[in-house]
Amino acid sequence: MSRTFPARMARHAVLIIGAATIVVPFLWMFTTSLQTRAETYTNVSIWPTSWHWENYARAWESAPFAQYYLNSALMSVGIVAGHLVFDSLAAYAFARLEFPLKRPLFAILMATMMVPTFVTIIPTYSIVAGLGWIDTLAALVVPRLADVFGIILLRQYFLSIPVELEEAARIDGCSRAGTFFRIVLPLSGPSLATLALFSFLFAWNDFLWPLLVTNADAHRTIQIGLQAFVGRYGTSWNYLMAGTLSATIPSVIVFAVFQKALVRGMATTGLKD
């Protein structure tokens, strides 16, 4: 006990410090959102001298945040749905089907993860502009309907599912598509939930691509809308923090809902080659 107690105390101290590094920025964001603009520049304490809850209402009134929220929600739902559909189909093909150049193609697919996103932005933007999709929902969703990370994640999980289950279904007369929809997908709930969570967080917090393909407020997302509080002669930090906190709530809710599925998905994803 004398040896394990200091170890436990040290472990808990490290965990507390790690938790503080995550909680304190959110606490600072919350308290700043309740201050006046003058206090954000003069108050040396993190705690506000007065509580201005009306900052949240004024932040929503200063920009069309309802439209921003709707655009972000539509974009996120479309991207998540695309990842679940197309990534799972491609992952199943690489996990179970046999076709020419299967392994080289998968190696090339993994190699694309080493290509920086900024390298592909200009050609992707040129294609979207050529199709006339600027300032449309299609520009926000279609170029990102599939994701290499999701394909690799699901492929590794599909490999961990015993192939005998599919063979038994095929003997009973089930087609290849039937085994995929009736056997593989129902057993892949944790991995699909993990992919959905990562896809939602990626889509909801994305900034660069929506900034490039949207010009009007009617199509901008919540992350772009936060720029309304950054002016030429100063930044309204109280309204900016109120808007940022409001934009963070959906991510926190989604993470809290899918937390257990995320842990199960990451723990049970196979490493079989």
C-alpha atoms as a PDB file:
ATOM      1  CA  MET A   1       0.000   0.000   0.000  1.00  0.00           C
ATOM      2  CA  SER A   2       2.852   2.393   0.812  1.00  0.00           C
ATOM      3  CA  ARG A   3       4.204   1.929  -2.697  1.00  0.00           C
ATOM      4  CA  THR A   4       0.942   2.145  -4.566  1.00  0.00           C
ATOM      5  CA  PHE A   5      -0.466   5.207  -2.733  1.00  0.00           C
ATOM      6  CA  PRO A   6       2.183   7.675  -4.018  1.00  0.00           C
ATOM      7  CA  ALA A   7       1.770   6.211  -7.498  1.00  0.00           C
ATOM      8  CA  ARG A   8      -1.990   6.719  -7.366  1.00  0.00           C
ATOM      9  CA  MET A   9      -1.569  10.264  -6.075  1.00  0.00           C
ATOM     10  CA  ALA A  10       0.889  11.075  -8.851  1.00  0.00           C
ATOM     11  CA  ARG A  11      -1.438   9.566 -11.450  1.00  0.00           C
ATOM     12  CA  HIS A  12      -4.408  11.550 -10.150  1.00  0.00           C
ATOM     13  CA  ALA A  13      -2.328  14.731 -10.065  1.00  0.00           C
ATOM     14  CA  VAL A  14      -1.419  14.276 -13.726  1.00  0.00           C
ATOM     15  CA  LEU A  15      -5.063  13.600 -14.598  1.00  0.00           C
ATOM     16  CA  ILE A  16      -6.208  16.700 -12.711  1.00  0.00           C
ATOM     17  CA  ILE A  17      -3.656  18.861 -14.499  1.00  0.00           C
ATOM     18  CA  GLY A  18      -4.715  17.402 -17.836  1.00  0.00           C
ATOM     19  CA  ALA A  19      -8.382  18.019 -17.050  1.00  0.00           C
ATOM     20  CA  ALA A  20      -7.620  21.598 -16.005  1.00  0.00           C
ATOM     21  CA  THR A  21      -5.930  22.340 -19.328  1.00  0.00           C
ATOM     22  CA  ILE A  22      -9.198  21.356 -21.030  1.00  0.00           C
ATOM     23  CA  VAL A  23     -11.719  22.888 -18.620  1.00  0.00           C
ATOM     24  CA  VAL A  24     -10.018  26.241 -17.945  1.00  0.00           C
ATOM     25  CA  PRO A  25     -10.248  27.508 -21.577  1.00  0.00           C
ATOM     26  CA  PHE A  26     -13.974  26.698 -21.613  1.00  0.00           C
ATOM     27  CA  LEU A  27     -14.401  28.467 -18.255  1.00  0.00           C
ATOM     28  CA  TRP A  28     -12.545  31.523 -19.591  1.00  0.00           C
ATOM     29  CA  MET A  29     -14.720  31.487 -22.703  1.00  0.00           C
ATOM     30  CA  PHE A  30     -17.888  31.294 -20.598  1.00  0.00           C
ATOM     31  CA  THR A  31     -16.941  34.091 -18.198  1.00  0.00           C
ATOM     32  CA  THR A  32     -15.742  36.334 -21.025  1.00  0.00           C
ATOM     33  CA  SER A  33     -19.065  35.902 -22.799  1.00  0.00           C
ATOM     34  CA  LEU A  34     -20.819  37.428 -19.755  1.00  0.00           C
ATOM     35  CA  GLN A  35     -18.678  40.565 -19.546  1.00  0.00           C
ATOM     36  CA  THR A  36     -19.115  43.921 -21.206  1.00  0.00           C
ATOM     37  CA  ARG A  37     -16.828  44.801 -24.078  1.00  0.00           C
ATOM     38  CA  ALA A  38     -14.926  47.255 -21.873  1.00  0.00           C
ATOM     39  CA  GLU A  39     -14.379  44.597 -19.214  1.00  0.00           C
ATOM     40  CA  THR A  40     -12.854  42.193 -21.731  1.00  0.00           C
ATOM     41  CA  TYR A  41     -10.061  44.716 -22.275  1.00  0.00           C
ATOM     42  CA  THR A  42      -9.644  46.034 -18.713  1.00  0.00           C
ATOM     43  CA  ASN A  43     -10.670  43.249 -16.320  1.00  0.00           C
ATOM     44  CA  VAL A  44      -7.560  41.432 -15.056  1.00  0.00           C
ATOM     45  CA  SER A  45      -9.605  38.693 -13.414  1.00  0.00           C
ATOM     46  CA  ILE A  46     -11.200  35.785 -15.209  1.00  0.00           C
ATOM     47  CA  TRP A  47     -14.330  36.336 -13.127  1.00  0.00           C
ATOM     48  CA  PRO A  48     -16.684  39.063 -14.437  1.00  0.00           C
ATOM     49  CA  THR A  49     -17.691  41.920 -12.154  1.00  0.00           C
ATOM     50  CA  SER A  50     -21.246  41.746 -13.530  1.00  0.00           C
ATOM     51  CA  TRP A  51     -23.169  39.076 -15.397  1.00  0.00           C
ATOM     52  CA  HIS A  52     -24.579  40.063 -18.771  1.00  0.00           C
ATOM     53  CA  TRP A  53     -26.649  37.138 -20.019  1.00  0.00           C
ATOM     54  CA  GLU A  54     -28.109  39.372 -22.713  1.00  0.00           C
ATOM     55  CA  ASN A  55     -24.818  39.046 -24.591  1.00  0.00           C
ATOM     56  CA  TYR A  56     -26.039  35.749 -26.022  1.00  0.00           C
ATOM     57  CA  ALA A  57     -29.227  37.311 -27.385  1.00  0.00           C
ATOM     58  CA  ARG A  58     -27.306  40.254 -28.821  1.00  0.00           C
ATOM     59  CA  ALA A  59     -24.756  37.936 -30.404  1.00  0.00           C
ATOM     60  CA  TRP A  60     -27.538  36.038 -32.177  1.00  0.00           C
ATOM     61  CA  GLU A  61     -29.157  39.314 -33.274  1.00  0.00           C
ATOM     62  CA  SER A  62     -25.941  40.811 -34.655  1.00  0.00           C
ATOM     63  CA  ALA A  63     -25.644  38.118 -37.337  1.00  0.00           C
ATOM     64  CA  PRO A  64     -28.004  35.544 -38.915  1.00  0.00           C
ATOM     65  CA  PHE A  65     -26.854  32.771 -36.586  1.00  0.00           C
ATOM     66  CA  ALA A  66     -30.000  30.729 -37.117  1.00  0.00           C
ATOM     67  CA  GLN A  67     -29.149  30.486 -40.818  1.00  0.00           C
ATOM     68  CA  TYR A  68     -25.516  29.687 -39.990  1.00  0.00           C
ATOM     69  CA  TYR A  69     -26.633  26.905 -37.674  1.00  0.00           C
ATOM     70  CA  LEU A  70     -28.962  25.478 -40.308  1.00  0.00           C
ATOM     71  CA  ASN A  71     -26.229  25.525 -42.961  1.00  0.00           C
ATOM     72  CA  SER A  72     -23.752  23.844 -40.625  1.00  0.00           C
ATOM     73  CA  ALA A  73     -26.326  21.213 -39.671  1.00  0.00           C
ATOM     74  CA  LEU A  74     -27.197  20.430 -43.295  1.00  0.00           C
ATOM     75  CA  MET A  75     -23.533  20.255 -44.270  1.00  0.00           C
ATOM     76  CA  SER A  76     -22.636  18.047 -41.303  1.00  0.00           C
ATOM     77  CA  VAL A  77     -25.546  15.654 -41.850  1.00  0.00           C
ATOM     78  CA  GLY A  78     -24.716  15.354 -45.546  1.00  0.00           C
ATOM     79  CA  ILE A  79     -21.036  14.668 -44.918  1.00  0.00           C
ATOM     80  CA  VAL A  80     -21.746  12.140 -42.154  1.00  0.00           C
ATOM     81  CA  ALA A  81     -24.262  10.308 -44.341  1.00  0.00           C
ATOM     82  CA  GLY A  82     -21.825  10.256 -47.253  1.00  0.00           C
ATOM     83  CA  HIS A  83     -19.019   8.895 -45.099  1.00  0.00           C
ATOM     84  CA  LEU A  84     -21.193   6.152 -43.647  1.00  0.00           C
ATOM     85  CA  VAL A  85     -22.464   5.051 -47.066  1.00  0.00           C
ATOM     86  CA  PHE A  86     -19.475   5.399 -49.364  1.00  0.00           C
ATOM     87  CA  ASP A  87     -16.767   4.605 -46.813  1.00  0.00           C
ATOM     88  CA  SER A  88     -18.519   1.426 -45.711  1.00  0.00           C
ATOM     89  CA  LEU A  89     -18.986   0.232 -49.300  1.00  0.00           C
ATOM     90  CA  ALA A  90     -15.350   0.885 -50.193  1.00  0.00           C
ATOM     91  CA  ALA A  91     -14.136  -0.649 -46.925  1.00  0.00           C
ATOM     92  CA  TYR A  92     -16.146  -3.824 -47.522  1.00  0.00           C
ATOM     93  CA  ALA A  93     -14.717  -4.132 -51.018  1.00  0.00           C
ATOM     94  CA  PHE A  94     -11.156  -3.927 -49.695  1.00  0.00           C
ATOM     95  CA  ALA A  95     -11.921  -6.260 -46.782  1.00  0.00           C
ATOM     96  CA  ARG A  96     -13.853  -9.066 -48.482  1.00  0.00           C
ATOM     97  CA  LEU A  97     -13.832  -8.819 -52.273  1.00  0.00           C
ATOM     98  CA  GLU A  98     -11.045  -9.972 -54.544  1.00  0.00           C
ATOM     99  CA  PHE A  99     -10.237  -7.862 -57.594  1.00  0.00           C
ATOM    100  CA  PRO A 100      -7.109  -7.023 -59.620  1.00  0.00           C
ATOM    101  CA  LEU A 101      -4.546  -4.728 -58.003  1.00  0.00           C
ATOM    102  CA  LYS A 102      -6.391  -4.789 -54.697  1.00  0.00           C
ATOM    103  CA  ARG A 103      -3.359  -4.412 -52.453  1.00  0.00           C
ATOM    104  CA  PRO A 104      -1.579  -1.760 -54.620  1.00  0.00           C
ATOM    105  CA  LEU A 105      -4.783   0.275 -54.773  1.00  0.00           C
ATOM    106  CA  PHE A 106      -5.195   0.108 -51.012  1.00  0.00           C
ATOM    107  CA  ALA A 107      -1.567   1.148 -50.545  1.00  0.00           C
ATOM    108  CA  ILE A 108      -2.139   4.127 -52.842  1.00  0.00           C
ATOM    109  CA  LEU A 109      -5.274   4.969 -50.882  1.00  0.00           C
ATOM    110  CA  MET A 110      -3.335   5.014 -47.619  1.00  0.00           C
ATOM    111  CA  ALA A 111      -0.575   7.065 -49.230  1.00  0.00           C
ATOM    112  CA  THR A 112      -3.071   9.809 -50.023  1.00  0.00           C
ATOM    113  CA  MET A 113      -3.373  10.446 -46.287  1.00  0.00           C
ATOM    114  CA  MET A 114       0.159  11.859 -46.396  1.00  0.00           C
ATOM    115  CA  VAL A 115      -0.857  14.481 -48.981  1.00  0.00           C
ATOM    116  CA  PRO A 116      -1.583  17.805 -47.207  1.00  0.00           C
ATOM    117  CA  THR A 117      -5.125  19.061 -47.619  1.00  0.00           C
ATOM    118  CA  PHE A 118      -3.859  22.427 -48.831  1.00  0.00           C
ATOM    119  CA  VAL A 119      -2.361  20.764 -51.899  1.00  0.00           C
ATOM    120  CA  THR A 120      -5.746  19.566 -53.128  1.00  0.00           C
ATOM    121  CA  ILE A 121      -7.776  22.666 -52.268  1.00  0.00           C
ATOM    122  CA  ILE A 122      -6.976  24.628 -55.442  1.00  0.00           C
ATOM    123  CA  PRO A 123      -7.842  21.847 -57.952  1.00  0.00           C
ATOM    124  CA  THR A 124     -10.953  20.947 -55.929  1.00  0.00           C
ATOM    125  CA  TYR A 125     -12.048  24.578 -55.903  1.00  0.00           C
ATOM    126  CA  SER A 126     -11.475  24.809 -59.671  1.00  0.00           C
ATOM    127  CA  ILE A 127     -13.725  21.791 -60.235  1.00  0.00           C
ATOM    128  CA  VAL A 128     -16.450  23.160 -57.966  1.00  0.00           C
ATOM    129  CA  ALA A 129     -16.283  26.582 -59.626  1.00  0.00           C
ATOM    130  CA  GLY A 130     -16.406  24.981 -63.070  1.00  0.00           C
ATOM    131  CA  LEU A 131     -19.590  23.156 -62.101  1.00  0.00           C
ATOM    132  CA  GLY A 132     -21.159  26.406 -60.931  1.00  0.00           C
ATOM    133  CA  TRP A 133     -21.545  25.218 -57.362  1.00  0.00           C
ATOM    134  CA  ILE A 134     -20.106  28.254 -55.570  1.00  0.00           C
ATOM    135  CA  ASP A 135     -22.510  29.425 -52.860  1.00  0.00           C
ATOM    136  CA  THR A 136     -24.474  26.181 -52.877  1.00  0.00           C
ATOM    137  CA  LEU A 137     -24.931  23.314 -50.449  1.00  0.00           C
ATOM    138  CA  ALA A 138     -23.447  20.963 -53.049  1.00  0.00           C
ATOM    139  CA  ALA A 139     -20.102  22.762 -52.818  1.00  0.00           C
ATOM    140  CA  LEU A 140     -20.036  22.192 -49.066  1.00  0.00           C
ATOM    141  CA  VAL A 141     -21.008  18.510 -49.158  1.00  0.00           C
ATOM    142  CA  VAL A 142     -20.260  16.732 -52.442  1.00  0.00           C
ATOM    143  CA  PRO A 143     -16.427  17.115 -52.527  1.00  0.00           C
ATOM    144  CA  ARG A 144     -16.245  15.524 -49.053  1.00  0.00           C
ATOM    145  CA  LEU A 145     -18.715  12.663 -49.327  1.00  0.00           C
ATOM    146  CA  ALA A 146     -15.937  10.078 -48.879  1.00  0.00           C
ATOM    147  CA  ASP A 147     -12.968   9.960 -46.550  1.00  0.00           C
ATOM    148  CA  VAL A 148      -9.825   7.829 -46.618  1.00  0.00           C
ATOM    149  CA  PHE A 149      -9.648   7.626 -42.821  1.00  0.00           C
ATOM    150  CA  GLY A 150     -13.165   6.212 -42.682  1.00  0.00           C
ATOM    151  CA  ILE A 151     -12.403   3.605 -45.330  1.00  0.00           C
ATOM    152  CA  ILE A 152      -9.335   2.389 -43.458  1.00  0.00           C
ATOM    153  CA  LEU A 153     -11.129   2.408 -40.090  1.00  0.00           C
ATOM    154  CA  LEU A 154     -14.087   0.388 -41.344  1.00  0.00           C
ATOM    155  CA  ARG A 155     -11.921  -1.967 -43.385  1.00  0.00           C
ATOM    156  CA  GLN A 156      -9.933  -2.920 -40.296  1.00  0.00           C
ATOM    157  CA  TYR A 157     -13.143  -3.512 -38.356  1.00  0.00           C
ATOM    158  CA  PHE A 158     -14.698  -5.600 -41.143  1.00  0.00           C
ATOM    159  CA  LEU A 159     -11.601  -7.804 -41.165  1.00  0.00           C
ATOM    160  CA  SER A 160     -12.166  -8.567 -37.487  1.00  0.00           C
ATOM    161  CA  ILE A 161     -15.651  -9.968 -38.198  1.00  0.00           C
ATOM    162  CA  PRO A 162     -15.481 -13.760 -38.695  1.00  0.00           C
ATOM    163  CA  VAL A 163     -15.899 -14.557 -42.363  1.00  0.00           C
ATOM    164  CA  GLU A 164     -17.723 -17.753 -41.386  1.00  0.00           C
ATOM    165  CA  LEU A 165     -20.791 -15.682 -40.542  1.00  0.00           C
ATOM    166  CA  GLU A 166     -20.972 -14.389 -44.094  1.00  0.00           C
ATOM    167  CA  GLU A 167     -20.290 -17.817 -45.555  1.00  0.00           C
ATOM    168  CA  ALA A 168     -23.159 -19.281 -43.541  1.00  0.00           C
ATOM    169  CA  ALA A 169     -25.461 -16.553 -44.831  1.00  0.00           C
ATOM    170  CA  ARG A 170     -24.326 -17.179 -48.408  1.00  0.00           C
ATOM    171  CA  ILE A 171     -25.050 -20.923 -48.006  1.00  0.00           C
ATOM    172  CA  ASP A 172     -28.572 -20.024 -46.851  1.00  0.00           C
ATOM    173  CA  GLY A 173     -29.067 -18.133 -50.105  1.00  0.00           C
ATOM    174  CA  CYS A 174     -28.203 -14.586 -49.023  1.00  0.00           C
ATOM    175  CA  SER A 175     -26.587 -12.449 -51.714  1.00  0.00           C
ATOM    176  CA  ARG A 176     -23.333 -10.541 -51.311  1.00  0.00           C
ATOM    177  CA  ALA A 177     -25.282  -7.306 -50.801  1.00  0.00           C
ATOM    178  CA  GLY A 178     -27.550  -9.076 -48.338  1.00  0.00           C
ATOM    179  CA  THR A 179     -24.647 -10.267 -46.215  1.00  0.00           C
ATOM    180  CA  PHE A 180     -23.284  -6.734 -46.185  1.00  0.00           C
ATOM    181  CA  PHE A 181     -26.527  -5.110 -45.059  1.00  0.00           C
ATOM    182  CA  ARG A 182     -27.821  -7.923 -42.822  1.00  0.00           C
ATOM    183  CA  ILE A 183     -24.634  -9.324 -41.288  1.00  0.00           C
ATOM    184  CA  VAL A 184     -21.703  -6.934 -41.552  1.00  0.00           C
ATOM    185  CA  LEU A 185     -23.327  -3.557 -40.913  1.00  0.00           C
ATOM    186  CA  PRO A 186     -25.386  -4.654 -37.857  1.00  0.00           C
ATOM    187  CA  LEU A 187     -22.194  -6.035 -36.294  1.00  0.00           C
ATOM    188  CA  SER A 188     -20.271  -2.831 -37.055  1.00  0.00           C
ATOM    189  CA  GLY A 189     -22.309  -0.431 -34.945  1.00  0.00           C
ATOM    190  CA  PRO A 190     -19.410   0.792 -32.738  1.00  0.00           C
ATOM    191  CA  SER A 191     -17.121   1.470 -35.709  1.00  0.00           C
ATOM    192  CA  LEU A 192     -19.891   3.231 -37.629  1.00  0.00           C
ATOM    193  CA  ALA A 193     -20.658   5.376 -34.584  1.00  0.00           C
ATOM    194  CA  THR A 194     -16.968   6.219 -34.269  1.00  0.00           C
ATOM    195  CA  LEU A 195     -16.810   7.252 -37.901  1.00  0.00           C
ATOM    196  CA  ALA A 196     -20.004   9.293 -37.560  1.00  0.00           C
ATOM    197  CA  LEU A 197     -18.588  11.132 -34.544  1.00  0.00           C
ATOM    198  CA  PHE A 198     -15.291  11.990 -36.206  1.00  0.00           C
ATOM    199  CA  SER A 199     -17.067  13.011 -39.413  1.00  0.00           C
ATOM    200  CA  PHE A 200     -19.474  15.286 -37.558  1.00  0.00           C
ATOM    201  CA  LEU A 201     -16.711  16.997 -35.590  1.00  0.00           C
ATOM    202  CA  PHE A 202     -14.705  17.475 -38.788  1.00  0.00           C
ATOM    203  CA  ALA A 203     -17.670  18.930 -40.691  1.00  0.00           C
ATOM    204  CA  TRP A 204     -19.047  21.112 -37.905  1.00  0.00           C
ATOM    205  CA  ASN A 205     -15.680  22.696 -37.073  1.00  0.00           C
ATOM    206  CA  ASP A 206     -14.430  23.069 -40.643  1.00  0.00           C
ATOM    207  CA  PHE A 207     -13.464  26.621 -41.530  1.00  0.00           C
ATOM    208  CA  LEU A 208     -11.239  26.840 -44.601  1.00  0.00           C
ATOM    209  CA  TRP A 209     -13.355  25.052 -47.209  1.00  0.00           C
ATOM    210  CA  PRO A 210     -16.660  26.822 -46.341  1.00  0.00           C
ATOM    211  CA  LEU A 211     -14.757  30.108 -46.379  1.00  0.00           C
ATOM    212  CA  LEU A 212     -13.619  29.460 -49.958  1.00  0.00           C
ATOM    213  CA  VAL A 213     -16.875  28.255 -51.508  1.00  0.00           C
ATOM    214  CA  THR A 214     -19.389  30.571 -49.788  1.00  0.00           C
ATOM    215  CA  ASN A 215     -19.775  34.308 -50.206  1.00  0.00           C
ATOM    216  CA  ALA A 216     -23.290  35.120 -49.005  1.00  0.00           C
ATOM    217  CA  ASP A 217     -24.667  34.836 -45.486  1.00  0.00           C
ATOM    218  CA  ALA A 218     -27.411  32.566 -46.798  1.00  0.00           C
ATOM    219  CA  HIS A 219     -24.860  29.786 -47.347  1.00  0.00           C
ATOM    220  CA  ARG A 220     -22.196  30.434 -44.729  1.00  0.00           C
ATOM    221  CA  THR A 221     -21.642  28.104 -41.791  1.00  0.00           C
ATOM    222  CA  ILE A 222     -21.424  28.861 -38.092  1.00  0.00           C
ATOM    223  CA  GLN A 223     -17.621  28.933 -38.035  1.00  0.00           C
ATOM    224  CA  ILE A 224     -17.539  31.573 -40.779  1.00  0.00           C
ATOM    225  CA  GLY A 225     -20.295  33.547 -39.088  1.00  0.00           C
ATOM    226  CA  LEU A 226     -18.155  34.063 -35.997  1.00  0.00           C
ATOM    227  CA  GLN A 227     -16.025  36.426 -38.076  1.00  0.00           C
ATOM    228  CA  ALA A 228     -18.862  38.970 -37.775  1.00  0.00           C
ATOM    229  CA  PHE A 229     -17.524  39.906 -34.330  1.00  0.00           C
ATOM    230  CA  VAL A 230     -14.010  40.648 -35.581  1.00  0.00           C
ATOM    231  CA  GLY A 231     -13.975  44.251 -36.767  1.00  0.00           C
ATOM    232  CA  ARG A 232     -11.368  46.479 -38.339  1.00  0.00           C
ATOM    233  CA  TYR A 233     -10.888  48.545 -35.192  1.00  0.00           C
ATOM    234  CA  GLY A 234     -11.397  45.914 -32.542  1.00  0.00           C
ATOM    235  CA  THR A 235     -12.967  42.636 -31.587  1.00  0.00           C
ATOM    236  CA  SER A 236     -16.126  42.236 -29.542  1.00  0.00           C
ATOM    237  CA  TRP A 237     -14.697  39.476 -27.377  1.00  0.00           C
ATOM    238  CA  ASN A 238     -17.820  39.099 -25.260  1.00  0.00           C
ATOM    239  CA  TYR A 239     -20.054  38.514 -28.299  1.00  0.00           C
ATOM    240  CA  LEU A 240     -17.409  36.408 -29.995  1.00  0.00           C
ATOM    241  CA  MET A 241     -17.133  34.137 -26.955  1.00  0.00           C
ATOM    242  CA  ALA A 242     -20.923  33.926 -26.680  1.00  0.00           C
ATOM    243  CA  GLY A 243     -21.150  32.865 -30.314  1.00  0.00           C
ATOM    244  CA  THR A 244     -18.235  30.467 -29.978  1.00  0.00           C
ATOM    245  CA  LEU A 245     -19.739  28.820 -26.923  1.00  0.00           C
ATOM    246  CA  SER A 246     -23.052  28.458 -28.747  1.00  0.00           C
ATOM    247  CA  ALA A 247     -21.234  26.896 -31.705  1.00  0.00           C
ATOM    248  CA  THR A 248     -19.419  24.461 -29.398  1.00  0.00           C
ATOM    249  CA  ILE A 249     -22.545  23.054 -27.735  1.00  0.00           C
ATOM    250  CA  PRO A 250     -23.554  20.698 -30.607  1.00  0.00           C
ATOM    251  CA  SER A 251     -20.076  19.156 -30.692  1.00  0.00           C
ATOM    252  CA  VAL A 252     -20.127  18.579 -26.943  1.00  0.00           C
ATOM    253  CA  ILE A 253     -23.601  17.010 -27.099  1.00  0.00           C
ATOM    254  CA  VAL A 254     -22.694  14.701 -29.980  1.00  0.00           C
ATOM    255  CA  PHE A 255     -19.486  13.633 -28.254  1.00  0.00           C
ATOM    256  CA  ALA A 256     -21.320  12.935 -24.998  1.00  0.00           C
ATOM    257  CA  VAL A 257     -23.930  10.830 -26.801  1.00  0.00           C
ATOM    258  CA  PHE A 258     -21.427   8.786 -28.811  1.00  0.00           C
ATOM    259  CA  GLN A 259     -18.676   8.585 -26.186  1.00  0.00           C
ATOM    260  CA  LYS A 260     -19.312   4.964 -25.222  1.00  0.00           C
ATOM    261  CA  ALA A 261     -19.643   3.905 -28.846  1.00  0.00           C
ATOM    262  CA  LEU A 262     -16.383   5.706 -29.611  1.00  0.00           C
ATOM    263  CA  VAL A 263     -14.534   3.801 -26.895  1.00  0.00           C
ATOM    264  CA  ARG A 264     -15.980   0.464 -28.038  1.00  0.00           C
ATOM    265  CA  GLY A 265     -15.238   1.217 -31.665  1.00  0.00           C
ATOM    266  CA  MET A 266     -11.622   2.178 -31.042  1.00  0.00           C
ATOM    267  CA  ALA A 267     -11.067  -0.757 -28.663  1.00  0.00           C
ATOM    268  CA  THR A 268     -12.557  -3.424 -30.893  1.00  0.00           C
ATOM    269  CA  THR A 269     -11.341  -2.254 -34.279  1.00  0.00           C
ATOM    270  CA  GLY A 270      -9.203  -5.123 -35.593  1.00  0.00           C
ATOM    271  CA  LEU A 271      -5.636  -4.830 -36.767  1.00  0.00           C
ATOM    272  CA  LYS A 272      -5.828  -7.890 -38.994  1.00  0.00           C
ATOM    273  CA  ASP A 273      -4.187  -7.481 -42.402  1.00  0.00           C
END
